Amino acid sequence: MAEAKAPRLLRRREVEARTGLSRSSIYARMAAGSFPVAVDLGGRAVAWMENEVDGWVLERIAARLPRAEATGSPCPA
């Protein structure tokens, strides 16, 4: 039987690097419900679940593809 992989937590700088979002954009999107919610680690430290952040990135990519096909452009505006 395969072992379950332990969830990995990403700190804010890693989330910024993976998403291209600034700190304020991450928190604004969290408040709007359009970005994964951070896990409170205590002592003013938070992190995000890697699989949720990666899922969010993949959703953005998937949302882009139909627009790119409709316009015939590889990089939709």
PDB file of N, CA and C in Angstrom:
ATOM      1  N   MET A   1       0.841  -1.178   0.000  1.00  0.00           N
ATOM      2  CA  MET A   1       0.000   0.000   0.000  1.00  0.00           C
ATOM      3  C   MET A   1       0.890   1.246   0.000  1.00  0.00           C
ATOM      4  N   ALA A   2       0.529   2.262  -0.790  1.00  0.00           N
ATOM      5  CA  ALA A   2       1.313   3.487  -0.895  1.00  0.00           C
ATOM      6  C   ALA A   2       1.085   4.379   0.319  1.00  0.00           C
ATOM      7  N   GLU A   3       2.156   4.986   0.777  1.00  0.00           N
ATOM      8  CA  GLU A   3       2.045   5.905   1.914  1.00  0.00           C
ATOM      9  C   GLU A   3       1.435   7.216   1.470  1.00  0.00           C
ATOM     10  N   ALA A   4       0.570   7.769   2.312  1.00  0.00           N
ATOM     11  CA  ALA A   4      -0.011   9.080   2.024  1.00  0.00           C
ATOM     12  C   ALA A   4       1.056  10.145   2.255  1.00  0.00           C
ATOM     13  N   LYS A   5       1.127  11.096   1.339  1.00  0.00           N
ATOM     14  CA  LYS A   5       2.105  12.172   1.457  1.00  0.00           C
ATOM     15  C   LYS A   5       1.590  13.203   2.451  1.00  0.00           C
ATOM     16  N   ALA A   6       2.432  13.607   3.371  1.00  0.00           N
ATOM     17  CA  ALA A   6       2.049  14.623   4.347  1.00  0.00           C
ATOM     18  C   ALA A   6       1.841  15.950   3.642  1.00  0.00           C
ATOM     19  N   PRO A   7       0.814  16.704   4.033  1.00  0.00           N
ATOM     20  CA  PRO A   7       0.602  18.011   3.408  1.00  0.00           C
ATOM     21  C   PRO A   7       1.801  18.925   3.662  1.00  0.00           C
ATOM     22  N   ARG A   8       2.142  19.710   2.669  1.00  0.00           N
ATOM     23  CA  ARG A   8       3.253  20.643   2.796  1.00  0.00           C
ATOM     24  C   ARG A   8       2.686  22.045   2.926  1.00  0.00           C
ATOM     25  N   LEU A   9       3.267  22.805   3.833  1.00  0.00           N
ATOM     26  CA  LEU A   9       2.845  24.181   4.043  1.00  0.00           C
ATOM     27  C   LEU A   9       3.839  25.133   3.397  1.00  0.00           C
ATOM     28  N   LEU A  10       3.301  26.187   2.789  1.00  0.00           N
ATOM     29  CA  LEU A  10       4.128  27.202   2.144  1.00  0.00           C
ATOM     30  C   LEU A  10       4.021  28.500   2.922  1.00  0.00           C
ATOM     31  N   ARG A  11       5.129  29.120   3.200  1.00  0.00           N
ATOM     32  CA  ARG A  11       5.122  30.425   3.839  1.00  0.00           C
ATOM     33  C   ARG A  11       4.831  31.493   2.792  1.00  0.00           C
ATOM     34  N   ARG A  12       4.538  32.702   3.248  1.00  0.00           N
ATOM     35  CA  ARG A  12       4.064  33.765   2.369  1.00  0.00           C
ATOM     36  C   ARG A  12       5.001  34.045   1.192  1.00  0.00           C
ATOM     37  N   ARG A  13       6.276  34.114   1.429  1.00  0.00           N
ATOM     38  CA  ARG A  13       7.204  34.427   0.325  1.00  0.00           C
ATOM     39  C   ARG A  13       7.155  33.375  -0.778  1.00  0.00           C
ATOM     40  N   GLU A  14       7.004  32.119  -0.394  1.00  0.00           N
ATOM     41  CA  GLU A  14       6.893  31.055  -1.387  1.00  0.00           C
ATOM     42  C   GLU A  14       5.572  31.174  -2.147  1.00  0.00           C
ATOM     43  N   VAL A  15       4.494  31.539  -1.448  1.00  0.00           N
ATOM     44  CA  VAL A  15       3.196  31.737  -2.111  1.00  0.00           C
ATOM     45  C   VAL A  15       3.296  32.901  -3.096  1.00  0.00           C
ATOM     46  N   GLU A  16       3.936  33.977  -2.690  1.00  0.00           N
ATOM     47  CA  GLU A  16       4.134  35.117  -3.591  1.00  0.00           C
ATOM     48  C   GLU A  16       4.913  34.688  -4.837  1.00  0.00           C
ATOM     49  N   ALA A  17       5.966  33.902  -4.647  1.00  0.00           N
ATOM     50  CA  ALA A  17       6.791  33.460  -5.768  1.00  0.00           C
ATOM     51  C   ALA A  17       6.003  32.548  -6.707  1.00  0.00           C
ATOM     52  N   ARG A  18       5.178  31.673  -6.162  1.00  0.00           N
ATOM     53  CA  ARG A  18       4.430  30.725  -6.995  1.00  0.00           C
ATOM     54  C   ARG A  18       3.281  31.385  -7.738  1.00  0.00           C
ATOM     55  N   THR A  19       2.681  32.398  -7.140  1.00  0.00           N
ATOM     56  CA  THR A  19       1.489  33.000  -7.733  1.00  0.00           C
ATOM     57  C   THR A  19       1.764  34.289  -8.487  1.00  0.00           C
ATOM     58  N   GLY A  20       2.851  34.970  -8.155  1.00  0.00           N
ATOM     59  CA  GLY A  20       3.125  36.274  -8.736  1.00  0.00           C
ATOM     60  C   GLY A  20       2.327  37.384  -8.081  1.00  0.00           C
ATOM     61  N   LEU A  21       1.610  37.075  -7.004  1.00  0.00           N
ATOM     62  CA  LEU A  21       0.804  38.067  -6.290  1.00  0.00           C
ATOM     63  C   LEU A  21       1.617  38.718  -5.180  1.00  0.00           C
ATOM     64  N   SER A  22       1.281  39.958  -4.870  1.00  0.00           N
ATOM     65  CA  SER A  22       1.895  40.641  -3.737  1.00  0.00           C
ATOM     66  C   SER A  22       1.206  40.204  -2.450  1.00  0.00           C
ATOM     67  N   ARG A  23       1.802  40.540  -1.342  1.00  0.00           N
ATOM     68  CA  ARG A  23       1.226  40.218  -0.036  1.00  0.00           C
ATOM     69  C   ARG A  23      -0.177  40.795   0.084  1.00  0.00           C
ATOM     70  N   SER A  24      -0.343  42.070  -0.268  1.00  0.00           N
ATOM     71  CA  SER A  24      -1.659  42.698  -0.120  1.00  0.00           C
ATOM     72  C   SER A  24      -2.690  42.055  -1.040  1.00  0.00           C
ATOM     73  N   SER A  25      -2.280  41.637  -2.229  1.00  0.00           N
ATOM     74  CA  SER A  25      -3.210  40.969  -3.147  1.00  0.00           C
ATOM     75  C   SER A  25      -3.636  39.610  -2.614  1.00  0.00           C
ATOM     76  N   ILE A  26      -2.718  38.890  -2.009  1.00  0.00           N
ATOM     77  CA  ILE A  26      -3.048  37.589  -1.431  1.00  0.00           C
ATOM     78  C   ILE A  26      -4.111  37.760  -0.351  1.00  0.00           C
ATOM     79  N   TYR A  27      -3.891  38.701   0.572  1.00  0.00           N
ATOM     80  CA  TYR A  27      -4.833  38.894   1.660  1.00  0.00           C
ATOM     81  C   TYR A  27      -6.166  39.461   1.181  1.00  0.00           C
ATOM     82  N   ALA A  28      -6.141  40.320   0.164  1.00  0.00           N
ATOM     83  CA  ALA A  28      -7.392  40.858  -0.395  1.00  0.00           C
ATOM     84  C   ALA A  28      -8.199  39.744  -1.047  1.00  0.00           C
ATOM     85  N   ARG A  29      -7.537  38.868  -1.777  1.00  0.00           N
ATOM     86  CA  ARG A  29      -8.237  37.752  -2.417  1.00  0.00           C
ATOM     87  C   ARG A  29      -8.738  36.754  -1.384  1.00  0.00           C
ATOM     88  N   MET A  30      -7.967  36.546  -0.319  1.00  0.00           N
ATOM     89  CA  MET A  30      -8.453  35.678   0.768  1.00  0.00           C
ATOM     90  C   MET A  30      -9.742  36.252   1.357  1.00  0.00           C
ATOM     91  N   ALA A  31      -9.752  37.556   1.613  1.00  0.00           N
ATOM     92  CA  ALA A  31     -10.927  38.213   2.196  1.00  0.00           C
ATOM     93  C   ALA A  31     -12.123  38.133   1.262  1.00  0.00           C
ATOM     94  N   ALA A  32     -11.873  38.161  -0.045  1.00  0.00           N
ATOM     95  CA  ALA A  32     -12.943  38.080  -1.035  1.00  0.00           C
ATOM     96  C   ALA A  32     -13.396  36.637  -1.281  1.00  0.00           C
ATOM     97  N   GLY A  33     -12.655  35.684  -0.724  1.00  0.00           N
ATOM     98  CA  GLY A  33     -13.005  34.279  -0.908  1.00  0.00           C
ATOM     99  C   GLY A  33     -12.521  33.697  -2.226  1.00  0.00           C
ATOM    100  N   SER A  34     -11.576  34.375  -2.888  1.00  0.00           N
ATOM    101  CA  SER A  34     -11.092  33.890  -4.180  1.00  0.00           C
ATOM    102  C   SER A  34      -9.654  33.382  -4.125  1.00  0.00           C
ATOM    103  N   PHE A  35      -9.166  33.106  -2.932  1.00  0.00           N
ATOM    104  CA  PHE A  35      -7.829  32.554  -2.748  1.00  0.00           C
ATOM    105  C   PHE A  35      -7.866  31.658  -1.528  1.00  0.00           C
ATOM    106  N   PRO A  36      -7.069  30.587  -1.505  1.00  0.00           N
ATOM    107  CA  PRO A  36      -7.064  29.692  -0.344  1.00  0.00           C
ATOM    108  C   PRO A  36      -6.787  30.433   0.966  1.00  0.00           C
ATOM    109  N   VAL A  37      -7.421  29.985   2.018  1.00  0.00           N
ATOM    110  CA  VAL A  37      -7.261  30.596   3.338  1.00  0.00           C
ATOM    111  C   VAL A  37      -5.990  30.066   3.998  1.00  0.00           C
ATOM    112  N   ALA A  38      -5.278  30.953   4.667  1.00  0.00           N
ATOM    113  CA  ALA A  38      -4.035  30.580   5.343  1.00  0.00           C
ATOM    114  C   ALA A  38      -4.314  29.746   6.588  1.00  0.00           C
ATOM    115  N   VAL A  39      -3.341  28.938   6.953  1.00  0.00           N
ATOM    116  CA  VAL A  39      -3.371  28.143   8.176  1.00  0.00           C
ATOM    117  C   VAL A  39      -2.619  28.929   9.245  1.00  0.00           C
ATOM    118  N   ASP A  40      -3.253  29.149  10.383  1.00  0.00           N
ATOM    119  CA  ASP A  40      -2.619  29.879  11.480  1.00  0.00           C
ATOM    120  C   ASP A  40      -1.626  28.959  12.181  1.00  0.00           C
ATOM    121  N   LEU A  41      -0.366  29.346  12.192  1.00  0.00           N
ATOM    122  CA  LEU A  41       0.674  28.547  12.831  1.00  0.00           C
ATOM    123  C   LEU A  41       0.977  29.038  14.248  1.00  0.00           C
ATOM    124  N   GLY A  42       0.359  30.152  14.618  1.00  0.00           N
ATOM    125  CA  GLY A  42       0.599  30.731  15.940  1.00  0.00           C
ATOM    126  C   GLY A  42       1.753  31.709  15.897  1.00  0.00           C
ATOM    127  N   GLY A  43       1.774  32.604  16.862  1.00  0.00           N
ATOM    128  CA  GLY A  43       2.859  33.568  16.946  1.00  0.00           C
ATOM    129  C   GLY A  43       2.972  34.443  15.717  1.00  0.00           C
ATOM    130  N   ARG A  44       1.877  34.867  15.160  1.00  0.00           N
ATOM    131  CA  ARG A  44       1.817  35.726  13.968  1.00  0.00           C
ATOM    132  C   ARG A  44       2.339  35.057  12.707  1.00  0.00           C
ATOM    133  N   ALA A  45       2.474  33.765  12.717  1.00  0.00           N
ATOM    134  CA  ALA A  45       2.955  33.032  11.548  1.00  0.00           C
ATOM    135  C   ALA A  45       1.790  32.318  10.871  1.00  0.00           C
ATOM    136  N   VAL A  46       1.755  32.416   9.547  1.00  0.00           N
ATOM    137  CA  VAL A  46       0.746  31.703   8.771  1.00  0.00           C
ATOM    138  C   VAL A  46       1.424  31.001   7.607  1.00  0.00           C
ATOM    139  N   ALA A  47       0.711  30.045   7.037  1.00  0.00           N
ATOM    140  CA  ALA A  47       1.197  29.325   5.869  1.00  0.00           C
ATOM    141  C   ALA A  47      -0.022  28.869   5.078  1.00  0.00           C
ATOM    142  N   TRP A  48       0.217  28.471   3.844  1.00  0.00           N
ATOM    143  CA  TRP A  48      -0.846  27.976   2.990  1.00  0.00           C
ATOM    144  C   TRP A  48      -0.531  26.546   2.603  1.00  0.00           C
ATOM    145  N   MET A  49      -1.572  25.753   2.402  1.00  0.00           N
ATOM    146  CA  MET A  49      -1.377  24.375   1.975  1.00  0.00           C
ATOM    147  C   MET A  49      -0.931  24.378   0.513  1.00  0.00           C
ATOM    148  N   GLU A  50       0.161  23.684   0.247  1.00  0.00           N
ATOM    149  CA  GLU A  50       0.748  23.660  -1.085  1.00  0.00           C
ATOM    150  C   GLU A  50      -0.257  23.197  -2.133  1.00  0.00           C
ATOM    151  N   ASN A  51      -1.006  22.150  -1.850  1.00  0.00           N
ATOM    152  CA  ASN A  51      -1.935  21.629  -2.847  1.00  0.00           C
ATOM    153  C   ASN A  51      -3.045  22.629  -3.164  1.00  0.00           C
ATOM    154  N   GLU A  52      -3.459  23.444  -2.187  1.00  0.00           N
ATOM    155  CA  GLU A  52      -4.488  24.448  -2.440  1.00  0.00           C
ATOM    156  C   GLU A  52      -3.954  25.589  -3.297  1.00  0.00           C
ATOM    157  N   VAL A  53      -2.731  26.027  -3.024  1.00  0.00           N
ATOM    158  CA  VAL A  53      -2.124  27.091  -3.818  1.00  0.00           C
ATOM    159  C   VAL A  53      -1.884  26.595  -5.246  1.00  0.00           C
ATOM    160  N   ASP A  54      -1.359  25.387  -5.386  1.00  0.00           N
ATOM    161  CA  ASP A  54      -1.133  24.828  -6.719  1.00  0.00           C
ATOM    162  C   ASP A  54      -2.453  24.676  -7.463  1.00  0.00           C
ATOM    163  N   GLY A  55      -3.503  24.266  -6.771  1.00  0.00           N
ATOM    164  CA  GLY A  55      -4.827  24.155  -7.384  1.00  0.00           C
ATOM    165  C   GLY A  55      -5.340  25.499  -7.861  1.00  0.00           C
ATOM    166  N   TRP A  56      -5.112  26.545  -7.072  1.00  0.00           N
ATOM    167  CA  TRP A  56      -5.533  27.893  -7.452  1.00  0.00           C
ATOM    168  C   TRP A  56      -4.811  28.328  -8.733  1.00  0.00           C
ATOM    169  N   VAL A  57      -3.503  28.062  -8.801  1.00  0.00           N
ATOM    170  CA  VAL A  57      -2.724  28.420  -9.986  1.00  0.00           C
ATOM    171  C   VAL A  57      -3.259  27.667 -11.213  1.00  0.00           C
ATOM    172  N   LEU A  58      -3.524  26.388 -11.058  1.00  0.00           N
ATOM    173  CA  LEU A  58      -4.042  25.596 -12.182  1.00  0.00           C
ATOM    174  C   LEU A  58      -5.411  26.095 -12.631  1.00  0.00           C
ATOM    175  N   GLU A  59      -6.245  26.535 -11.697  1.00  0.00           N
ATOM    176  CA  GLU A  59      -7.549  27.111 -12.054  1.00  0.00           C
ATOM    177  C   GLU A  59      -7.374  28.372 -12.885  1.00  0.00           C
ATOM    178  N   ARG A  60      -6.409  29.216 -12.519  1.00  0.00           N
ATOM    179  CA  ARG A  60      -6.160  30.437 -13.295  1.00  0.00           C
ATOM    180  C   ARG A  60      -5.724  30.079 -14.711  1.00  0.00           C
ATOM    181  N   ILE A  61      -4.871  29.061 -14.833  1.00  0.00           N
ATOM    182  CA  ILE A  61      -4.400  28.636 -16.152  1.00  0.00           C
ATOM    183  C   ILE A  61      -5.575  28.090 -16.966  1.00  0.00           C
ATOM    184  N   ALA A  62      -6.402  27.264 -16.347  1.00  0.00           N
ATOM    185  CA  ALA A  62      -7.555  26.686 -17.057  1.00  0.00           C
ATOM    186  C   ALA A  62      -8.536  27.766 -17.492  1.00  0.00           C
ATOM    187  N   ALA A  63      -8.715  28.802 -16.693  1.00  0.00           N
ATOM    188  CA  ALA A  63      -9.627  29.891 -17.044  1.00  0.00           C
ATOM    189  C   ALA A  63      -9.095  30.692 -18.220  1.00  0.00           C
ATOM    190  N   ARG A  64      -7.811  30.720 -18.379  1.00  0.00           N
ATOM    191  CA  ARG A  64      -7.179  31.468 -19.457  1.00  0.00           C
ATOM    192  C   ARG A  64      -7.328  30.769 -20.796  1.00  0.00           C
ATOM    193  N   LEU A  65      -7.288  29.451 -20.816  1.00  0.00           N
ATOM    194  CA  LEU A  65      -7.262  28.695 -22.061  1.00  0.00           C
ATOM    195  C   LEU A  65      -8.466  28.937 -22.964  1.00  0.00           C
ATOM    196  N   PRO A  66      -9.708  28.927 -22.466  1.00  0.00           N
ATOM    197  CA  PRO A  66     -10.838  29.182 -23.375  1.00  0.00           C
ATOM    198  C   PRO A  66     -10.773  30.575 -24.011  1.00  0.00           C
ATOM    199  N   ARG A  67     -10.327  31.579 -23.280  1.00  0.00           N
ATOM    200  CA  ARG A  67     -10.211  32.938 -23.837  1.00  0.00           C
ATOM    201  C   ARG A  67      -9.143  32.972 -24.917  1.00  0.00           C
ATOM    202  N   ALA A  68      -8.038  32.288 -24.703  1.00  0.00           N
ATOM    203  CA  ALA A  68      -6.959  32.276 -25.677  1.00  0.00           C
ATOM    204  C   ALA A  68      -7.419  31.600 -26.971  1.00  0.00           C
ATOM    205  N   GLU A  69      -8.181  30.519 -26.839  1.00  0.00           N
ATOM    206  CA  GLU A  69      -8.680  29.820 -28.025  1.00  0.00           C
ATOM    207  C   GLU A  69      -9.683  30.683 -28.774  1.00  0.00           C
ATOM    208  N   ALA A  70     -10.529  31.417 -28.059  1.00  0.00           N
ATOM    209  CA  ALA A  70     -11.550  32.256 -28.684  1.00  0.00           C
ATOM    210  C   ALA A  70     -10.929  33.422 -29.458  1.00  0.00           C
ATOM    211  N   THR A  71      -9.836  33.959 -28.942  1.00  0.00           N
ATOM    212  CA  THR A  71      -9.216  35.120 -29.604  1.00  0.00           C
ATOM    213  C   THR A  71      -8.133  34.696 -30.588  1.00  0.00           C
ATOM    214  N   GLY A  72      -7.733  33.437 -30.522  1.00  0.00           N
ATOM    215  CA  GLY A  72      -6.654  32.977 -31.401  1.00  0.00           C
ATOM    216  C   GLY A  72      -5.296  33.467 -30.949  1.00  0.00           C
ATOM    217  N   SER A  73      -5.237  34.000 -29.737  1.00  0.00           N
ATOM    218  CA  SER A  73      -3.991  34.556 -29.208  1.00  0.00           C
ATOM    219  C   SER A  73      -3.413  33.634 -28.149  1.00  0.00           C
ATOM    220  N   PRO A  74      -2.115  33.380 -28.203  1.00  0.00           N
ATOM    221  CA  PRO A  74      -1.496  32.554 -27.159  1.00  0.00           C
ATOM    222  C   PRO A  74      -1.436  33.275 -25.818  1.00  0.00           C
ATOM    223  N   CYS A  75      -1.485  34.590 -25.815  1.00  0.00           N
ATOM    224  CA  CYS A  75      -1.412  35.384 -24.582  1.00  0.00           C
ATOM    225  C   CYS A  75      -2.584  36.350 -24.540  1.00  0.00           C
ATOM    226  N   PRO A  76      -3.728  35.908 -23.992  1.00  0.00           N
ATOM    227  CA  PRO A  76      -4.897  36.780 -23.966  1.00  0.00           C
ATOM    228  C   PRO A  76      -4.683  38.017 -23.098  1.00  0.00           C
ATOM    229  N   ALA A  77      -5.317  39.085 -23.461  1.00  0.00           N
ATOM    230  CA  ALA A  77      -5.206  40.336 -22.704  1.00  0.00           C
ATOM    231  C   ALA A  77      -6.091  40.313 -21.488  1.00  0.00           C
TER     232      ALA A  77
END
